[in-house]
């Protein structure tokens, strides 16, 4: 990423972070399946938390507006969607964010 321009490096970083969100959902799925570790509302709480750590949410809260080209972790909507997708599928092979174009993230 050091060899990329800033905008492309940010886009790459977003993909990595969204993939991590997906894997967090996969982990939660399997942990819950094997150990019954999630209580009612835990998944919703995790999704709500993902919404509060999106770049758009944090930038708007801090400065009143967002700058999409500066995002390094993804929007709130993207983070929530990828976490839910990982939990819904439980399949680590289905969440390769590098297989999608920017509009599909």
Protein backbone atom coordinates (compact mmCIF):
# COMPACT_ATOMS: atom_id res chain seq x y z
CA UNK A 1 0.00 0.00 0.00
CA UNK A 2 3.00 2.29 0.45
CA UNK A 3 3.46 2.27 -3.31
CA UNK A 4 -0.13 3.36 -4.00
CA UNK A 5 -1.46 6.86 -4.07
CA UNK A 6 -3.32 7.85 -0.90
CA UNK A 7 -6.81 7.35 -2.35
CA UNK A 8 -6.07 3.81 -3.61
CA UNK A 9 -4.34 2.91 -0.34
CA UNK A 10 -7.43 4.07 1.56
CA UNK A 11 -9.67 1.98 -0.70
CA UNK A 12 -7.46 -1.06 -0.04
CA UNK A 13 -7.60 -0.41 3.69
CA UNK A 14 -11.41 -0.26 3.57
CA UNK A 15 -11.51 -3.67 1.87
CA UNK A 16 -9.24 -5.16 4.54
CA UNK A 17 -11.35 -3.72 7.34
CA UNK A 18 -14.62 -4.91 5.81
CA UNK A 19 -13.17 -8.37 5.39
CA UNK A 20 -12.22 -8.30 9.07
CA UNK A 21 -15.81 -7.34 9.91
CA UNK A 22 -17.02 -10.28 7.83
CA UNK A 23 -14.65 -12.65 9.63
CA UNK A 24 -15.83 -11.30 12.99
CA UNK A 25 -19.35 -12.31 11.96
CA UNK A 26 -18.16 -15.76 10.88
CA UNK A 27 -16.37 -16.21 14.20
CA UNK A 28 -19.50 -15.17 16.12
CA UNK A 29 -21.60 -17.62 14.10
CA UNK A 30 -19.33 -20.57 14.88
CA UNK A 31 -18.70 -19.60 18.49
CA UNK A 32 -22.42 -19.34 19.08
CA UNK A 33 -23.11 -22.59 17.23
CA UNK A 34 -20.51 -24.50 19.23
CA UNK A 35 -20.86 -22.87 22.63
CA UNK A 36 -24.14 -20.94 22.67
CA UNK A 37 -22.16 -17.86 23.56
CA UNK A 38 -24.54 -15.19 22.27
CA UNK A 39 -27.47 -13.96 24.27
CA UNK A 40 -30.55 -12.34 22.77
CA UNK A 41 -29.54 -8.94 21.51
CA UNK A 42 -25.79 -9.61 21.29
CA UNK A 43 -25.76 -9.66 17.50
CA UNK A 44 -27.86 -6.50 17.33
CA UNK A 45 -25.48 -4.84 19.79
CA UNK A 46 -22.51 -5.84 17.64
CA UNK A 47 -24.20 -4.48 14.52
CA UNK A 48 -25.04 -1.25 16.34
CA UNK A 49 -21.42 -0.96 17.45
CA UNK A 50 -20.23 -1.51 13.85
CA UNK A 51 -22.49 1.37 12.84
CA UNK A 52 -20.84 3.66 15.36
CA UNK A 53 -17.33 3.00 14.12
CA UNK A 54 -17.90 3.69 10.44
CA UNK A 55 -15.72 6.42 8.98
CA UNK A 56 -18.75 8.44 7.85
CA UNK A 57 -20.31 8.38 11.32
CA UNK A 58 -17.08 9.30 13.10
CA UNK A 59 -16.18 12.11 10.68
CA UNK A 60 -19.67 13.62 10.78
CA UNK A 61 -19.65 13.49 14.56
CA UNK A 62 -16.20 15.11 14.78
CA UNK A 63 -16.39 17.73 12.05
CA UNK A 64 -19.98 17.81 10.79
CA UNK A 65 -19.25 16.27 7.37
CA UNK A 66 -17.49 13.28 5.87
CA UNK A 67 -14.77 12.92 3.26
CA UNK A 68 -15.30 9.55 1.52
CA UNK A 69 -11.87 9.49 -0.16
CA UNK A 70 -10.27 9.59 3.29
CA UNK A 71 -12.16 6.55 4.61
CA UNK A 72 -9.89 3.74 5.82
CA UNK A 73 -12.42 1.48 7.59
CA UNK A 74 -15.62 1.76 5.57
CA UNK A 75 -18.97 3.40 6.14
CA UNK A 76 -21.29 2.45 8.97
CA UNK A 77 -23.63 0.75 6.50
CA UNK A 78 -20.78 -1.27 4.96
CA UNK A 79 -19.44 -2.37 8.32
CA UNK A 80 -22.86 -3.45 9.54
CA UNK A 81 -23.62 -5.26 6.27
CA UNK A 82 -20.36 -7.25 6.23
CA UNK A 83 -20.64 -8.23 9.90
CA UNK A 84 -24.20 -9.45 9.32
CA UNK A 85 -23.17 -11.28 6.14
CA UNK A 86 -20.42 -13.16 7.98
CA UNK A 87 -22.77 -14.11 10.78
CA UNK A 88 -25.51 -15.17 8.37
CA UNK A 89 -23.31 -17.39 6.24
CA UNK A 90 -20.76 -18.71 8.73
CA UNK A 91 -18.60 -19.39 5.67
CA UNK A 92 -15.18 -17.71 5.65
CA UNK A 93 -14.80 -18.35 1.91
CA UNK A 94 -17.74 -16.14 0.94
CA UNK A 95 -16.46 -12.83 2.31
CA UNK A 96 -13.59 -11.91 0.03
CA UNK A 97 -14.08 -8.16 -0.28
CA UNK A 98 -11.45 -8.06 -3.00
CA UNK A 99 -13.84 -9.95 -5.30
CA UNK A 100 -16.32 -7.04 -5.32
CA UNK A 101 -16.24 -3.67 -7.03
CA UNK A 102 -16.51 -0.51 -4.95
CA UNK A 103 -20.26 -0.17 -5.52
CA UNK A 104 -20.89 -3.66 -4.16
CA UNK A 105 -19.04 -3.15 -0.90
